[in-house]
Amino acid sequence: MTVHLVWAREPLPAGGPSVFLAGPTPVRGGPVESWRPAAVEALAAQWNSADPLTVLTPESRGGKRADHYDDQVEWETAARKAATAVLFWIPRDLVSLPGMTTNVEFGLDVGTGRAVLGAPPDCPNPERNRYLIYVARCHDVPVRETLVDTVAAALSIVNRTARPADHRPKG
């Protein structure tokens, strides 16, 4: 029941079960706190495998931003592609958490079979998530309204997808 956190631009693990935490990132020192620590806590509480779970976060260790924008984008793209599940949590607030990049990332990942969409109805601008919810349902992507339920849906994908080392096909 171990959770290993990999921060932005840190080396990605070679394999094993993993969840990428996609969604808007608040400005450091801004009016809202990051939602990702609560997501990591929920993942740790719900993860019940002996294998460690890697959680990939696009936030930077110690808040140090990338020197070059391309470095951040390339890491996030590689991390989303490598993840067993991509958890989108979008507490939409057009002032402090607009999530414009998140919209594009969701569009890129919606058809992978690895995405989960969390869209809380009590966020400041829930009407701005309507289209994402519509698209998610068109692609059979799980849609949840709480972070805890979104985490559970992501772990369901991980558990369905990940195979223990001793059960992998030989050959």
Protein backbone atom coordinates (compact mmCIF):
# COMPACT_ATOMS: atom_id res chain seq x y z
CA MET A 1 0.00 0.00 0.00
CA THR A 2 2.80 2.35 -1.00
CA VAL A 3 2.33 5.49 -3.07
CA HIS A 4 5.36 7.04 -4.75
CA LEU A 5 5.04 10.66 -5.91
CA VAL A 6 6.91 11.80 -9.03
CA TRP A 7 6.98 15.55 -9.54
CA ALA A 8 7.16 17.51 -12.80
CA ARG A 9 10.30 16.96 -14.85
CA GLU A 10 11.57 14.16 -12.60
CA PRO A 11 12.45 10.86 -14.31
CA LEU A 12 9.45 8.71 -15.12
CA PRO A 13 9.46 5.16 -13.77
CA ALA A 14 10.02 2.31 -16.22
CA GLY A 15 6.73 0.63 -15.41
CA GLY A 16 4.23 -0.39 -12.77
CA PRO A 17 0.80 1.00 -11.98
CA SER A 18 0.52 4.78 -12.18
CA VAL A 19 -1.95 7.66 -12.17
CA PHE A 20 -1.35 11.08 -13.74
CA LEU A 21 -3.10 13.97 -11.96
CA ALA A 22 -4.43 16.14 -14.80
CA GLY A 23 -6.33 19.34 -14.24
CA PRO A 24 -5.81 23.02 -13.59
CA THR A 25 -2.81 24.01 -11.48
CA PRO A 26 -3.27 27.01 -9.20
CA VAL A 27 -0.76 29.82 -9.21
CA ARG A 28 1.68 29.40 -6.34
CA GLY A 29 0.76 31.81 -3.56
CA GLY A 30 -2.56 32.49 -5.31
CA PRO A 31 -6.06 32.56 -3.86
CA VAL A 32 -6.65 28.77 -4.00
CA GLU A 33 -4.67 25.80 -2.79
CA SER A 34 -3.73 22.89 -5.01
CA TRP A 35 -6.24 20.05 -5.13
CA ARG A 36 -3.46 17.53 -5.79
CA PRO A 37 -2.41 16.85 -2.15
CA ALA A 38 -5.99 15.76 -1.42
CA ALA A 39 -5.92 13.54 -4.52
CA VAL A 40 -2.66 11.91 -3.41
CA GLU A 41 -4.13 11.35 0.05
CA ALA A 42 -7.25 9.75 -1.46
CA LEU A 43 -5.14 7.57 -3.74
CA ALA A 44 -3.04 6.40 -0.78
CA ALA A 45 -6.18 5.65 1.25
CA GLN A 46 -7.81 3.64 -1.54
CA TRP A 47 -4.76 1.84 -2.98
CA ASN A 48 -4.85 -1.74 -1.70
CA SER A 49 -2.21 -3.54 -3.73
CA ALA A 50 1.13 -4.80 -2.50
CA ASP A 51 2.67 -3.19 -5.60
CA PRO A 52 3.57 0.48 -5.23
CA LEU A 53 1.42 3.03 -7.06
CA THR A 54 3.23 5.87 -8.80
CA VAL A 55 1.42 9.19 -8.81
CA LEU A 56 2.61 11.60 -11.50
CA THR A 57 1.99 15.27 -10.74
CA PRO A 58 2.63 18.16 -13.13
CA GLU A 59 3.36 20.39 -10.16
CA SER A 60 7.00 21.07 -9.36
CA ARG A 61 8.83 19.85 -6.28
CA GLY A 62 9.30 22.86 -4.02
CA GLY A 63 7.34 25.03 -6.47
CA LYS A 64 10.34 25.52 -8.77
CA ARG A 65 8.99 26.19 -12.23
CA ALA A 66 10.58 24.85 -15.39
CA ASP A 67 13.31 26.98 -16.92
CA HIS A 68 11.76 26.38 -20.34
CA TYR A 69 8.07 25.96 -21.12
CA ASP A 70 8.82 23.16 -23.59
CA ASP A 71 10.47 21.10 -20.83
CA GLN A 72 7.24 21.17 -18.79
CA VAL A 73 4.98 20.40 -21.74
CA GLU A 74 7.18 17.53 -22.94
CA TRP A 75 7.31 15.99 -19.46
CA GLU A 76 3.55 16.25 -19.00
CA THR A 77 2.88 14.73 -22.41
CA ALA A 78 5.25 11.82 -21.73
CA ALA A 79 3.85 11.31 -18.22
CA ARG A 80 0.23 11.23 -19.42
CA LYS A 81 1.18 8.77 -22.14
CA ALA A 82 3.04 6.53 -19.66
CA ALA A 83 0.31 6.57 -16.99
CA THR A 84 -1.95 3.59 -16.47
CA ALA A 85 -4.80 6.03 -15.75
CA VAL A 86 -5.20 9.77 -16.28
CA LEU A 87 -7.31 11.39 -13.58
CA PHE A 88 -8.82 14.69 -14.69
CA TRP A 89 -10.12 16.77 -11.77
CA ILE A 90 -11.57 20.07 -12.95
CA PRO A 91 -12.94 22.31 -10.18
CA ARG A 92 -13.49 24.99 -12.82
CA ASP A 93 -13.06 28.61 -11.72
CA LEU A 94 -12.53 31.01 -14.62
CA VAL A 95 -10.66 33.40 -12.31
CA SER A 96 -8.27 31.13 -10.41
CA LEU A 97 -8.47 27.68 -12.11
CA PRO A 98 -9.53 28.25 -15.73
CA GLY A 99 -8.03 24.97 -17.01
CA MET A 100 -7.62 25.95 -20.65
CA THR A 101 -4.68 23.60 -21.17
CA THR A 102 -6.64 20.91 -19.33
CA ASN A 103 -9.37 21.14 -21.98
CA VAL A 104 -6.85 20.31 -24.70
CA GLU A 105 -5.25 17.50 -22.69
CA PHE A 106 -8.66 15.95 -22.04
CA GLY A 107 -9.39 16.07 -25.76
CA LEU A 108 -6.13 14.27 -26.46
CA ASP A 109 -6.74 11.60 -23.80
CA VAL A 110 -10.52 11.04 -23.99
CA GLY A 111 -10.24 8.18 -26.47
CA THR A 112 -7.41 6.28 -24.78
CA GLY A 113 -9.53 4.22 -22.40
CA ARG A 114 -7.36 5.49 -19.55
CA ALA A 115 -9.12 8.79 -18.70
CA VAL A 116 -11.50 9.60 -15.85
CA LEU A 117 -13.27 12.96 -15.53
CA GLY A 118 -14.04 14.56 -12.20
CA ALA A 119 -16.24 17.64 -12.49
CA PRO A 120 -17.63 18.89 -9.19
CA PRO A 121 -21.07 20.49 -9.59
CA ASP A 122 -20.35 22.90 -6.73
CA CYS A 123 -17.25 24.49 -8.30
CA PRO A 124 -17.49 28.22 -9.20
CA ASN A 125 -18.13 27.61 -12.93
CA PRO A 126 -19.62 24.12 -13.39
CA GLU A 127 -21.35 25.19 -16.61
CA ARG A 128 -17.89 25.40 -18.20
CA ASN A 129 -17.47 21.64 -17.72
CA ARG A 130 -20.68 20.69 -19.57
CA TYR A 131 -18.98 20.05 -22.90
CA LEU A 132 -16.24 17.93 -21.33
CA ILE A 133 -18.89 15.87 -19.55
CA TYR A 134 -20.77 15.43 -22.82
CA VAL A 135 -17.61 14.34 -24.67
CA ALA A 136 -16.64 12.00 -21.82
CA ARG A 137 -19.99 10.25 -21.97
CA CYS A 138 -19.72 9.91 -25.77
CA HIS A 139 -16.43 8.04 -25.22
CA ASP A 140 -17.55 5.96 -22.20
CA VAL A 141 -15.16 7.86 -19.91
CA PRO A 142 -16.24 7.62 -16.26
CA VAL A 143 -17.59 10.96 -14.98
CA ARG A 144 -17.62 11.60 -11.24
CA GLU A 145 -18.59 14.55 -9.03
CA THR A 146 -16.29 14.13 -6.02
CA LEU A 147 -12.54 13.77 -5.82
CA VAL A 148 -12.83 10.56 -3.79
CA ASP A 149 -15.12 9.00 -6.41
CA THR A 150 -12.86 10.20 -9.24
CA VAL A 151 -9.90 8.55 -7.52
CA ALA A 152 -11.89 5.31 -7.16
CA ALA A 153 -12.72 5.36 -10.89
CA ALA A 154 -9.06 5.94 -11.80
CA LEU A 155 -7.95 3.07 -9.55
CA SER A 156 -10.56 0.86 -11.18
CA ILE A 157 -8.80 1.48 -14.51
CA VAL A 158 -5.42 0.79 -12.89
CA ASN A 159 -6.66 -2.46 -11.34
CA ARG A 160 -8.25 -3.56 -14.61
CA THR A 161 -5.16 -2.69 -16.66
CA ALA A 162 -2.20 -3.53 -14.43
CA ARG A 163 -1.07 -7.13 -14.25
CA PRO A 164 1.05 -8.50 -11.45
CA ALA A 165 4.52 -9.52 -12.59
CA ASP A 166 3.83 -13.21 -11.94
CA HIS A 167 0.73 -13.18 -14.20
CA ARG A 168 2.28 -11.61 -17.29
CA PRO A 169 2.18 -13.70 -20.44
CA LYS A 170 5.42 -15.48 -21.19
CA GLY A 171 7.08 -15.30 -24.54
